[in-house]
């Protein structure tokens, strides 16, 4: 159950431009954030939170079965590290429509035709709201087929840029912003549908295997926030998410992280990179992930020795196990002294 302090934090995060909300399955992503300057309206009725903007909307039901898990990981390639409150429910309660083929659901109550794209994951439904008669007819011809591997039809959907609606049990993200084409980059709310990953790759989540996230949120933004802006990191001792992690994270993780962080800082200050490499190669996958997070955070912490920070950056480059490109971009913008 979500306690009152976390519930208040989540409500505040729903209208905070730093925060990034996401409904994620492998290769299927919808992200919601308040784009700076965008008009937004926040409504709370009983246990339902609803936020609507010109670009997107977010809906979340604070059901009593939701378990919040505060965790961080470096297992992804979208940021130097990922930090989230994962709002989870038991796996056996998380089932959605589970359609594996394109399906016309009917008219959408706010206008247009509602189509389930049939991505085939058990715990998420991915819809588009089609208001283009030509696209609707093309979809009718493909109804009943698995279309995720149909690049021609997907291109037609992208060019038409319908509204996208991603739903899990107790959460929804609707993205109204136009789908970018020809290498354009969408700031603010957006969606991803990546056929090469769907049902082909599986990224680990820092949560138990018997639960499913209905939604996740980084409530504060770290070095790269929900709108892609770069920020100085406040450091281990004063960063807001680290304080949240200390208050609500797993005791075992926190104890191990403190011990390993102190050890790595000492080895970096002594320029003993060989010992760090040995530690890493002989550790479990979970500890390796923690070490990647720690070294990325060391590199971003201006309270620490500059040489140690540079060495942490070099170690991560050698390990080739995080989005080093994103970390180097952050360094170029915020801490250029690290990449001289």
Protein backbone atom coordinates (compact mmCIF):
# COMPACT_ATOMS: atom_id res chain seq x y z
CA UNK A 1 0.00 0.00 0.00
CA UNK A 2 1.16 3.54 -0.75
CA UNK A 3 1.57 5.54 2.46
CA UNK A 4 0.41 9.15 2.66
CA UNK A 5 3.88 10.69 2.33
CA UNK A 6 4.60 8.77 -0.88
CA UNK A 7 1.11 9.49 -2.20
CA UNK A 8 1.68 13.21 -1.68
CA UNK A 9 5.07 12.96 -3.41
CA UNK A 10 3.48 11.16 -6.39
CA UNK A 11 0.73 13.77 -6.71
CA UNK A 12 3.32 16.56 -6.64
CA UNK A 13 5.42 14.69 -9.23
CA UNK A 14 2.45 14.49 -11.59
CA UNK A 15 2.74 18.26 -12.24
CA UNK A 16 6.50 18.71 -11.70
CA UNK A 17 8.39 19.42 -14.99
CA UNK A 18 11.41 17.52 -13.64
CA UNK A 19 9.46 14.28 -13.24
CA UNK A 20 9.29 11.53 -15.87
CA UNK A 21 6.47 8.97 -15.81
CA UNK A 22 6.55 5.86 -17.98
CA UNK A 23 4.60 2.75 -18.80
CA UNK A 24 7.24 0.35 -20.09
CA UNK A 25 7.49 -3.12 -21.50
CA UNK A 26 10.44 -4.30 -23.59
CA UNK A 27 10.29 -2.26 -26.81
CA UNK A 28 7.02 -0.58 -25.80
CA UNK A 29 7.22 2.76 -24.00
CA UNK A 30 4.91 5.67 -23.25
CA UNK A 31 6.38 8.62 -21.35
CA UNK A 32 4.52 11.46 -19.68
CA UNK A 33 6.01 14.69 -18.40
CA UNK A 34 4.89 18.27 -17.99
CA UNK A 35 6.57 20.16 -20.78
CA UNK A 36 7.68 23.54 -19.46
CA UNK A 37 5.12 26.20 -20.37
CA UNK A 38 2.44 23.66 -21.28
CA UNK A 39 -0.96 24.28 -19.69
CA UNK A 40 -2.01 21.46 -17.39
CA UNK A 41 -4.97 20.54 -15.23
CA UNK A 42 -4.73 18.17 -12.27
CA UNK A 43 -7.82 16.50 -10.81
CA UNK A 44 -8.02 14.16 -7.82
CA UNK A 45 -11.27 12.33 -7.12
CA UNK A 46 -11.27 9.68 -4.38
CA UNK A 47 -8.34 7.44 -5.35
CA UNK A 48 -8.05 8.61 -8.96
CA UNK A 49 -5.41 11.08 -10.13
CA UNK A 50 -5.86 12.64 -13.57
CA UNK A 51 -3.52 15.15 -15.23
CA UNK A 52 -4.28 16.56 -18.66
CA UNK A 53 -2.11 18.77 -20.87
CA UNK A 54 -2.22 19.85 -24.51
CA UNK A 55 0.37 17.15 -25.32
CA UNK A 56 -0.63 14.20 -23.12
CA UNK A 57 -2.57 12.92 -20.14
CA UNK A 58 -1.84 10.72 -17.15
CA UNK A 59 -4.29 8.66 -15.11
CA UNK A 60 -3.44 6.70 -11.98
CA UNK A 61 -5.65 4.89 -9.48
CA UNK A 62 -4.14 4.59 -6.00
CA UNK A 63 -5.45 1.08 -5.43
CA UNK A 64 -4.68 -0.47 -2.05
CA UNK A 65 -2.95 -3.45 -3.66
CA UNK A 66 -0.21 -1.27 -5.21
CA UNK A 67 3.21 -1.75 -3.66
CA UNK A 68 5.76 1.04 -4.25
CA UNK A 69 9.34 -0.11 -4.88
CA UNK A 70 12.04 2.58 -4.80
CA UNK A 71 15.06 1.44 -6.79
CA UNK A 72 17.83 2.45 -9.17
CA UNK A 73 19.61 0.58 -11.94
CA UNK A 74 22.15 1.01 -14.73
CA UNK A 75 20.78 -1.85 -16.81
CA UNK A 76 19.27 0.41 -19.50
CA UNK A 77 20.79 2.49 -22.26
CA UNK A 78 18.64 5.60 -22.03
CA UNK A 79 20.50 7.41 -19.23
CA UNK A 80 23.66 7.09 -17.11
CA UNK A 81 21.43 5.44 -14.52
CA UNK A 82 17.70 5.04 -13.98
CA UNK A 83 15.94 5.87 -10.70
CA UNK A 84 12.25 5.26 -10.15
CA UNK A 85 9.41 4.58 -7.84
CA UNK A 86 7.92 1.45 -9.41
CA UNK A 87 4.21 1.10 -8.57
CA UNK A 88 3.70 -2.66 -8.64
CA UNK A 89 0.93 -5.19 -8.22
CA UNK A 90 1.04 -9.00 -8.05
CA UNK A 91 1.72 -10.50 -11.48
CA UNK A 92 -1.47 -12.57 -11.37
CA UNK A 93 -3.54 -9.38 -10.91
CA UNK A 94 -1.88 -7.47 -13.73
CA UNK A 95 -3.40 -9.23 -16.74
CA UNK A 96 -4.84 -7.04 -19.48
CA UNK A 97 -6.51 -7.97 -22.80
CA UNK A 98 -3.46 -9.95 -24.02
CA UNK A 99 -4.37 -9.46 -27.68
CA UNK A 100 -1.76 -10.58 -30.20
CA UNK A 101 -3.44 -9.20 -33.31
CA UNK A 102 -4.69 -5.87 -34.60
CA UNK A 103 -8.22 -5.44 -33.25
CA UNK A 104 -10.84 -2.75 -33.85
CA UNK A 105 -12.42 -2.01 -30.47
CA UNK A 106 -14.99 0.50 -31.70
CA UNK A 107 -15.65 4.20 -31.49
CA UNK A 108 -13.69 6.12 -28.90
CA UNK A 109 -15.87 8.22 -26.58
CA UNK A 110 -13.90 11.39 -27.36
CA UNK A 111 -14.07 10.87 -31.13
CA UNK A 112 -12.25 8.58 -33.53
CA UNK A 113 -11.85 4.82 -33.81
CA UNK A 114 -10.07 2.84 -31.10
CA UNK A 115 -7.63 0.17 -32.30
CA UNK A 116 -5.65 -2.27 -30.18
CA UNK A 117 -2.29 -2.77 -31.92
CA UNK A 118 -1.97 -6.27 -30.43
CA UNK A 119 1.61 -6.08 -29.17
CA UNK A 120 1.10 -9.38 -27.37
CA UNK A 121 2.28 -8.55 -23.87
CA UNK A 122 0.11 -9.85 -21.02
CA UNK A 123 0.17 -6.78 -18.79
CA UNK A 124 -0.16 -3.82 -21.18
CA UNK A 125 -2.63 -2.75 -23.86
CA UNK A 126 -1.42 -0.41 -26.60
CA UNK A 127 -4.10 1.51 -28.47
CA UNK A 128 -4.23 4.17 -31.15
CA UNK A 129 -7.16 6.54 -31.63
CA UNK A 130 -7.64 6.94 -35.37
CA UNK A 131 -9.41 9.97 -36.79
CA UNK A 132 -8.02 9.59 -40.31
CA UNK A 133 -10.49 7.71 -42.54
CA UNK A 134 -7.74 6.49 -44.88
CA UNK A 135 -5.69 4.97 -42.07
CA UNK A 136 -8.82 3.41 -40.58
CA UNK A 137 -9.52 1.63 -43.87
CA UNK A 138 -5.93 0.37 -44.11
CA UNK A 139 -6.21 -1.01 -40.59
CA UNK A 140 -9.50 -2.74 -41.43
CA UNK A 141 -7.68 -4.65 -44.18
CA UNK A 142 -5.10 -5.90 -41.66
CA UNK A 143 -7.45 -6.61 -38.76
CA UNK A 144 -6.78 -9.97 -37.13
CA UNK A 145 -3.09 -9.97 -38.10
CA UNK A 146 0.03 -9.43 -36.03
CA UNK A 147 1.29 -6.13 -37.45
CA UNK A 148 4.32 -5.33 -35.29
CA UNK A 149 6.55 -6.86 -37.97
CA UNK A 150 4.78 -5.01 -40.80
CA UNK A 151 7.05 -2.01 -41.48
CA UNK A 152 4.86 -0.64 -44.27
CA UNK A 153 1.76 -0.41 -42.09
CA UNK A 154 3.74 0.91 -39.10
CA UNK A 155 5.12 3.64 -41.35
CA UNK A 156 1.58 4.61 -42.36
CA UNK A 157 0.62 4.80 -38.68
CA UNK A 158 3.67 6.96 -37.93
CA UNK A 159 2.91 9.31 -40.82
CA UNK A 160 -0.70 9.66 -39.70
CA UNK A 161 0.41 10.19 -36.07
CA UNK A 162 -2.74 9.12 -34.22
CA UNK A 163 -3.17 9.67 -30.49
CA UNK A 164 -1.57 6.80 -28.55
CA UNK A 165 -3.09 5.27 -25.41
CA UNK A 166 -1.06 2.87 -23.24
CA UNK A 167 -2.94 1.12 -20.44
CA UNK A 168 -2.02 -1.13 -17.55
CA UNK A 169 -4.09 -2.12 -14.57
CA UNK A 170 -4.64 1.15 -12.62
CA UNK A 171 -2.63 3.43 -14.96
CA UNK A 172 -2.90 5.11 -18.37
CA UNK A 173 -0.72 7.41 -20.43
CA UNK A 174 -2.20 9.10 -23.49
CA UNK A 175 0.16 10.93 -25.83
CA UNK A 176 -1.33 13.47 -28.21
CA UNK A 177 1.95 14.97 -29.38
CA UNK A 178 2.86 14.28 -33.01
CA UNK A 179 5.12 11.29 -33.67
CA UNK A 180 8.50 12.63 -34.83
CA UNK A 181 9.72 11.55 -38.30
CA UNK A 182 12.93 11.83 -40.32
CA UNK A 183 15.22 11.94 -37.32
CA UNK A 184 13.22 14.56 -35.43
CA UNK A 185 13.40 14.47 -31.64
CA UNK A 186 10.26 14.82 -29.53
CA UNK A 187 10.72 16.70 -26.28
CA UNK A 188 8.21 16.05 -23.56
CA UNK A 189 5.60 13.25 -23.77
CA UNK A 190 6.27 10.62 -26.42
CA UNK A 191 5.95 6.93 -27.26
CA UNK A 192 8.21 4.21 -28.62
CA UNK A 193 7.28 1.01 -30.43
CA UNK A 194 10.46 -0.89 -31.32
CA UNK A 195 9.76 -4.12 -33.27
CA UNK A 196 13.37 -5.33 -33.03
CA UNK A 197 13.01 -5.55 -29.23
CA UNK A 198 9.37 -6.62 -28.72
CA UNK A 199 9.37 -10.31 -27.69
CA UNK A 200 13.05 -10.53 -28.65
CA UNK A 201 14.99 -8.83 -25.86
CA UNK A 202 14.29 -8.69 -22.15
CA UNK A 203 15.70 -5.95 -19.96
CA UNK A 204 15.95 -6.67 -16.24
CA UNK A 205 13.91 -4.63 -13.77
CA UNK A 206 15.11 -3.89 -10.22
CA UNK A 207 11.91 -5.38 -8.76
CA UNK A 208 10.76 -8.80 -7.63
CA UNK A 209 9.87 -11.31 -10.35
CA UNK A 210 6.36 -11.97 -8.98
CA UNK A 211 5.13 -8.38 -9.39
CA UNK A 212 4.38 -6.20 -12.40
CA UNK A 213 4.78 -2.40 -12.58
CA UNK A 214 1.63 -0.54 -13.56
CA UNK A 215 3.69 2.63 -13.98
CA UNK A 216 7.03 4.06 -12.89
CA UNK A 217 8.14 7.58 -12.08
CA UNK A 218 11.37 9.42 -11.45
CA UNK A 219 9.85 12.14 -9.27
CA UNK A 220 12.77 14.55 -9.27
CA UNK A 221 14.80 14.00 -12.42
CA UNK A 222 18.44 13.05 -12.05
CA UNK A 223 21.24 14.24 -14.31
CA UNK A 224 18.83 14.07 -17.28
CA UNK A 225 15.21 14.92 -16.48
CA UNK A 226 11.88 14.01 -18.09
CA UNK A 227 12.24 16.70 -20.75
CA UNK A 228 15.81 15.77 -21.67
CA UNK A 229 17.41 18.68 -19.81
CA UNK A 230 20.83 18.23 -18.20
CA UNK A 231 21.37 19.13 -14.55
CA UNK A 232 24.12 19.07 -11.96
CA UNK A 233 23.75 16.12 -9.62
CA UNK A 234 23.56 17.16 -5.96
CA UNK A 235 25.64 14.20 -4.79
CA UNK A 236 25.20 11.15 -2.58
CA UNK A 237 24.54 13.10 0.59
CA UNK A 238 21.91 15.63 -0.53
CA UNK A 239 20.27 14.30 -3.73
CA UNK A 240 16.50 14.05 -3.30
CA UNK A 241 16.19 10.59 -4.79
CA UNK A 242 19.05 9.23 -2.67
CA UNK A 243 17.16 10.51 0.39
CA UNK A 244 14.00 8.78 -0.88
CA UNK A 245 15.98 5.60 -1.49
CA UNK A 246 17.41 5.73 2.02
CA UNK A 247 13.90 6.12 3.45
CA UNK A 248 12.08 3.54 1.33
CA UNK A 249 14.68 1.35 -0.41
CA UNK A 250 15.66 -2.18 0.50
CA UNK A 251 17.84 -2.34 3.62
CA UNK A 252 20.16 -4.95 2.11
CA UNK A 253 20.72 -2.87 -1.03
CA UNK A 254 21.40 0.28 0.97
CA UNK A 255 23.89 -1.43 3.28
CA UNK A 256 25.76 -3.05 0.39
CA UNK A 257 25.76 0.17 -1.62
CA UNK A 258 27.27 2.17 1.23
CA UNK A 259 30.04 -0.39 1.75
CA UNK A 260 30.84 -0.80 -1.96
CA UNK A 261 30.70 2.96 -2.64
CA UNK A 262 33.27 3.67 0.08
CA UNK A 263 35.51 0.90 -1.28
CA UNK A 264 35.27 2.11 -4.90
CA UNK A 265 35.94 5.75 -3.95
CA UNK A 266 39.05 4.67 -2.07
CA UNK A 267 40.28 2.53 -4.98
CA UNK A 268 39.63 5.34 -7.48
CA UNK A 269 41.52 7.84 -5.33
CA UNK A 270 44.43 5.37 -5.20
CA UNK A 271 44.10 4.79 -8.96
CA UNK A 272 43.69 1.05 -8.38
CA UNK A 273 41.51 0.35 -11.42
CA UNK A 274 42.70 -3.26 -11.59
CA UNK A 275 41.16 -4.01 -8.21
CA UNK A 276 37.85 -2.48 -9.31
CA UNK A 277 37.90 -4.59 -12.47
CA UNK A 278 38.54 -7.68 -10.38
CA UNK A 279 35.70 -6.80 -7.99
CA UNK A 280 33.38 -6.30 -10.93
CA UNK A 281 34.25 -9.53 -12.74
CA UNK A 282 33.78 -11.64 -9.60
CA UNK A 283 30.47 -10.06 -8.56
CA UNK A 284 26.88 -11.16 -9.16
CA UNK A 285 24.83 -9.41 -11.84
CA UNK A 286 22.99 -7.45 -9.14
CA UNK A 287 26.24 -6.23 -7.60
CA UNK A 288 27.67 -5.37 -11.02
CA UNK A 289 24.59 -3.27 -11.68
CA UNK A 290 25.06 -1.52 -8.34
CA UNK A 291 28.72 -0.85 -9.15
CA UNK A 292 27.76 0.75 -12.47
CA UNK A 293 25.27 3.00 -10.69
CA UNK A 294 27.86 3.94 -8.05
CA UNK A 295 30.57 4.79 -10.59
CA UNK A 296 28.17 6.86 -12.71
CA UNK A 297 27.11 8.74 -9.59
CA UNK A 298 30.73 9.23 -8.52
CA UNK A 299 31.47 10.74 -11.93
CA UNK A 300 28.57 13.17 -11.46
CA UNK A 301 29.29 14.13 -7.84
CA UNK A 302 31.22 17.40 -7.71
CA UNK A 303 31.78 16.97 -3.98
CA UNK A 304 34.26 14.18 -4.71
CA UNK A 305 37.88 14.24 -5.85
CA UNK A 306 38.13 15.27 -9.52
CA UNK A 307 40.70 12.59 -10.36
CA UNK A 308 38.48 9.91 -8.81
CA UNK A 309 35.56 11.19 -10.90
CA UNK A 310 37.62 11.06 -14.10
CA UNK A 311 38.75 7.53 -13.32
CA UNK A 312 35.15 6.45 -12.66
CA UNK A 313 34.21 7.81 -16.08
CA UNK A 314 37.08 5.91 -17.69
CA UNK A 315 36.16 2.71 -15.84
CA UNK A 316 32.60 2.89 -17.16
CA UNK A 317 33.91 3.43 -20.68
CA UNK A 318 36.09 0.34 -20.31
CA UNK A 319 33.22 -1.77 -18.97
CA UNK A 320 30.93 -0.75 -21.86
CA UNK A 321 27.89 -1.65 -19.76
CA UNK A 322 25.88 1.59 -19.48
CA UNK A 323 24.89 4.38 -21.82
CA UNK A 324 28.34 5.92 -21.75
CA UNK A 325 27.37 8.22 -24.62
CA UNK A 326 24.68 9.82 -22.42
CA UNK A 327 27.08 10.12 -19.50
CA UNK A 328 29.71 11.73 -21.69
CA UNK A 329 27.10 14.12 -23.11
CA UNK A 330 26.24 15.09 -19.54
CA UNK A 331 29.94 15.59 -18.78
CA UNK A 332 30.45 17.79 -21.84
CA UNK A 333 27.54 20.01 -20.81
CA UNK A 334 27.88 20.09 -17.02
CA UNK A 335 31.39 18.89 -16.09
CA UNK A 336 33.71 19.42 -19.10
CA UNK A 337 36.73 19.08 -16.82
CA UNK A 338 36.10 15.32 -16.75
CA UNK A 339 36.62 14.85 -20.49
CA UNK A 340 39.57 17.16 -21.13
